[in-house]
C-alpha atoms as a PDB file:
ATOM      1  CA  UNK A   1    -166.094  95.362 124.467  1.00  0.00           C
ATOM      2  CA  UNK A   2    -164.612  93.694 127.427  1.00  0.00           C
ATOM      3  CA  UNK A   3    -164.032  95.496 130.658  1.00  0.00           C
ATOM      4  CA  UNK A   4    -160.350  95.790 131.733  1.00  0.00           C
ATOM      5  CA  UNK A   5    -161.035  94.140 135.076  1.00  0.00           C
ATOM      6  CA  UNK A   6    -162.292  91.012 133.322  1.00  0.00           C
ATOM      7  CA  UNK A   7    -159.764  90.912 130.514  1.00  0.00           C
ATOM      8  CA  UNK A   8    -157.077  88.226 130.667  1.00  0.00           C
ATOM      9  CA  UNK A   9    -154.271  90.840 130.396  1.00  0.00           C
ATOM     10  CA  UNK A  10    -155.369  92.592 133.585  1.00  0.00           C
ATOM     11  CA  UNK A  11    -155.553  89.426 135.639  1.00  0.00           C
ATOM     12  CA  UNK A  12    -152.385  88.474 137.564  1.00  0.00           C
ATOM     13  CA  UNK A  13    -150.524  85.557 136.119  1.00  0.00           C
ATOM     14  CA  UNK A  14    -150.594  82.285 137.964  1.00  0.00           C
ATOM     15  CA  UNK A  15    -147.852  82.084 140.590  1.00  0.00           C
ATOM     16  CA  UNK A  16    -147.223  85.864 140.474  1.00  0.00           C
ATOM     17  CA  UNK A  17    -147.279  87.609 143.844  1.00  0.00           C
ATOM     18  CA  UNK A  18    -150.199  89.821 144.610  1.00  0.00           C
ATOM     19  CA  UNK A  19    -149.475  93.565 144.581  1.00  0.00           C
ATOM     20  CA  UNK A  20    -148.541  94.831 148.031  1.00  0.00           C
ATOM     21  CA  UNK A  21    -147.125  91.515 149.247  1.00  0.00           C
ATOM     22  CA  UNK A  22    -143.576  91.078 150.540  1.00  0.00           C
ATOM     23  CA  UNK A  23    -142.639  89.015 147.500  1.00  0.00           C
ATOM     24  CA  UNK A  24    -143.668  91.851 145.192  1.00  0.00           C
ATOM     25  CA  UNK A  25    -141.685  94.475 147.154  1.00  0.00           C
ATOM     26  CA  UNK A  26    -138.265  92.793 147.320  1.00  0.00           C
ATOM     27  CA  UNK A  27    -136.999  94.084 143.939  1.00  0.00           C
ATOM     28  CA  UNK A  28    -137.743  97.645 145.039  1.00  0.00           C
ATOM     29  CA  UNK A  29    -136.045  97.031 148.387  1.00  0.00           C
ATOM     30  CA  UNK A  30    -132.970  95.562 146.695  1.00  0.00           C
ATOM     31  CA  UNK A  31    -132.817  98.511 144.301  1.00  0.00           C
ATOM     32  CA  UNK A  32    -133.095 100.977 147.208  1.00  0.00           C
ATOM     33  CA  UNK A  33    -130.364  99.147 149.132  1.00  0.00           C
ATOM     34  CA  UNK A  34    -128.046  99.196 146.111  1.00  0.00           C
ATOM     35  CA  UNK A  35    -128.742 102.894 145.610  1.00  0.00           C
ATOM     36  CA  UNK A  36    -127.943 103.604 149.288  1.00  0.00           C
ATOM     37  CA  UNK A  37    -124.682 101.616 149.125  1.00  0.00           C
ATOM     38  CA  UNK A  38    -123.567 103.350 145.937  1.00  0.00           C
ATOM     39  CA  UNK A  39    -124.427 106.776 147.388  1.00  0.00           C
ATOM     40  CA  UNK A  40    -122.515 106.045 150.589  1.00  0.00           C
ATOM     41  CA  UNK A  41    -119.545 104.721 148.638  1.00  0.00           C
ATOM     42  CA  UNK A  42    -119.568 107.827 146.484  1.00  0.00           C
ATOM     43  CA  UNK A  43    -119.681 110.148 149.497  1.00  0.00           C
ATOM     44  CA  UNK A  44    -116.969 108.383 151.484  1.00  0.00           C
ATOM     45  CA  UNK A  45    -114.533 107.162 148.823  1.00  0.00           C
ATOM     46  CA  UNK A  46    -115.014 108.720 145.401  1.00  0.00           C
ATOM     47  CA  UNK A  47    -115.371 112.362 146.463  1.00  0.00           C
ATOM     48  CA  UNK A  48    -112.231 112.403 148.675  1.00  0.00           C
ATOM     49  CA  UNK A  49    -110.246 110.673 145.920  1.00  0.00           C
ATOM     50  CA  UNK A  50    -111.514 113.213 143.405  1.00  0.00           C
ATOM     51  CA  UNK A  51    -110.482 116.085 145.684  1.00  0.00           C
ATOM     52  CA  UNK A  52    -107.052 114.525 146.226  1.00  0.00           C
ATOM     53  CA  UNK A  53    -106.541 114.049 142.488  1.00  0.00           C
ATOM     54  CA  UNK A  54    -107.538 117.659 141.851  1.00  0.00           C
ATOM     55  CA  UNK A  55    -105.093 118.806 144.523  1.00  0.00           C
ATOM     56  CA  UNK A  56    -102.256 116.829 142.935  1.00  0.00           C
ATOM     57  CA  UNK A  57    -103.020 118.119 139.441  1.00  0.00           C
ATOM     58  CA  UNK A  58    -103.392 121.747 140.489  1.00  0.00           C
ATOM     59  CA  UNK A  59    -100.296 121.442 142.686  1.00  0.00           C
ATOM     60  CA  UNK A  60     -98.245 120.199 139.745  1.00  0.00           C
ATOM     61  CA  UNK A  61     -99.551 123.010 137.577  1.00  0.00           C
ATOM     62  CA  UNK A  62     -98.716 125.588 140.253  1.00  0.00           C
ATOM     63  CA  UNK A  63     -95.233 124.123 140.806  1.00  0.00           C
ATOM     64  CA  UNK A  64     -94.525 124.158 137.073  1.00  0.00           C
ATOM     65  CA  UNK A  65     -95.688 127.753 136.781  1.00  0.00           C
ATOM     66  CA  UNK A  66     -93.575 128.756 139.792  1.00  0.00           C
ATOM     67  CA  UNK A  67     -90.503 127.125 138.259  1.00  0.00           C
ATOM     68  CA  UNK A  68     -91.047 128.870 134.920  1.00  0.00           C
ATOM     69  CA  UNK A  69     -91.600 132.221 136.645  1.00  0.00           C
ATOM     70  CA  UNK A  70     -88.458 131.757 138.769  1.00  0.00           C
ATOM     71  CA  UNK A  71     -86.338 131.051 135.694  1.00  0.00           C
ATOM     72  CA  UNK A  72     -87.816 134.005 133.828  1.00  0.00           C
ATOM     73  CA  UNK A  73     -87.256 136.219 136.880  1.00  0.00           C
ATOM     74  CA  UNK A  74     -83.586 135.205 137.052  1.00  0.00           C
ATOM     75  CA  UNK A  75     -83.170 135.896 133.344  1.00  0.00           C
ATOM     76  CA  UNK A  76     -84.786 139.306 133.832  1.00  0.00           C
ATOM     77  CA  UNK A  77     -82.485 140.055 136.773  1.00  0.00           C
ATOM     78  CA  UNK A  78     -79.373 139.143 134.772  1.00  0.00           C
ATOM     79  CA  UNK A  79     -80.513 141.299 131.855  1.00  0.00           C
ATOM     80  CA  UNK A  80     -81.283 144.253 134.126  1.00  0.00           C
ATOM     81  CA  UNK A  81     -77.946 143.966 135.914  1.00  0.00           C
ATOM     82  CA  UNK A  82     -76.115 143.539 132.615  1.00  0.00           C
ATOM     83  CA  UNK A  83     -77.689 146.508 130.866  1.00  0.00           C
ATOM     84  CA  UNK A  84     -78.196 149.028 133.679  1.00  0.00           C
ATOM     85  CA  UNK A  85     -75.772 148.161 136.476  1.00  0.00           C
ATOM     86  CA  UNK A  86     -72.632 146.875 134.751  1.00  0.00           C
ATOM     87  CA  UNK A  87     -72.859 148.315 131.247  1.00  0.00           C
ATOM     88  CA  UNK A  88     -72.557 145.138 129.171  1.00  0.00           C
ATOM     89  CA  UNK A  89     -70.285 143.127 131.465  1.00  0.00           C
ATOM     90  CA  UNK A  90     -72.203 139.875 131.708  1.00  0.00           C
ATOM     91  CA  UNK A  91     -69.533 138.260 133.901  1.00  0.00           C
ATOM     92  CA  UNK A  92     -70.230 140.852 136.613  1.00  0.00           C
ATOM     93  CA  UNK A  93     -73.983 140.210 136.475  1.00  0.00           C
ATOM     94  CA  UNK A  94     -73.367 136.455 136.657  1.00  0.00           C
ATOM     95  CA  UNK A  95     -71.011 136.917 139.605  1.00  0.00           C
ATOM     96  CA  UNK A  96     -73.482 139.024 141.590  1.00  0.00           C
ATOM     97  CA  UNK A  97     -76.408 136.702 140.882  1.00  0.00           C
ATOM     98  CA  UNK A  98     -74.270 133.617 141.589  1.00  0.00           C
ATOM     99  CA  UNK A  99     -73.161 135.125 144.893  1.00  0.00           C
ATOM    100  CA  UNK A 100     -76.784 135.810 145.873  1.00  0.00           C
ATOM    101  CA  UNK A 101     -77.838 132.265 145.010  1.00  0.00           C
ATOM    102  CA  UNK A 102     -74.880 130.739 146.870  1.00  0.00           C
ATOM    103  CA  UNK A 103     -75.661 132.879 149.929  1.00  0.00           C
ATOM    104  CA  UNK A 104     -79.317 131.746 149.800  1.00  0.00           C
ATOM    105  CA  UNK A 105     -78.258 128.120 149.467  1.00  0.00           C
ATOM    106  CA  UNK A 106     -75.807 128.427 152.363  1.00  0.00           C
ATOM    107  CA  UNK A 107     -78.542 129.933 154.529  1.00  0.00           C
ATOM    108  CA  UNK A 108     -80.959 127.131 153.624  1.00  0.00           C
ATOM    109  CA  UNK A 109     -78.236 124.534 154.293  1.00  0.00           C
ATOM    110  CA  UNK A 110     -77.595 125.990 157.747  1.00  0.00           C
ATOM    111  CA  UNK A 111     -81.313 125.715 158.613  1.00  0.00           C
ATOM    112  CA  UNK A 112     -81.673 122.060 157.602  1.00  0.00           C
ATOM    113  CA  UNK A 113     -82.225 119.331 160.154  1.00  0.00           C
ATOM    114  CA  UNK A 114     -80.305 116.084 160.207  1.00  0.00           C
ATOM    115  CA  UNK A 115     -82.165 113.009 158.971  1.00  0.00           C
ATOM    116  CA  UNK A 116     -80.520 110.627 161.454  1.00  0.00           C
ATOM    117  CA  UNK A 117     -80.145 111.432 165.117  1.00  0.00           C
ATOM    118  CA  UNK A 118     -77.022 110.294 166.909  1.00  0.00           C
ATOM    119  CA  UNK A 119     -77.441 108.557 170.269  1.00  0.00           C
END
């Protein structure tokens, strides 16, 4: 049996760099550099974009839920006013609720700021 040190498979091929030389280490250095660049890019670009996308998605979900709950709350208020306060007179419930909403809108309108300043 041949010893591994003397076998042709264990001998370095002609023109191949010797282990430990600079020529043999450049693929590892390139791979490390690529890994560092990708890690930095991930930390500085991908993670903030992921957080922003999550914020947009969860914000839309929250806004949709708030809108649905507001509509259901108004329906509940009309039903409560209709049944308990005005004894089946829906027009009275609608008038009271409409007056409240108009008053809220008028208040919000009075607090707005003008988009264009006059000189």
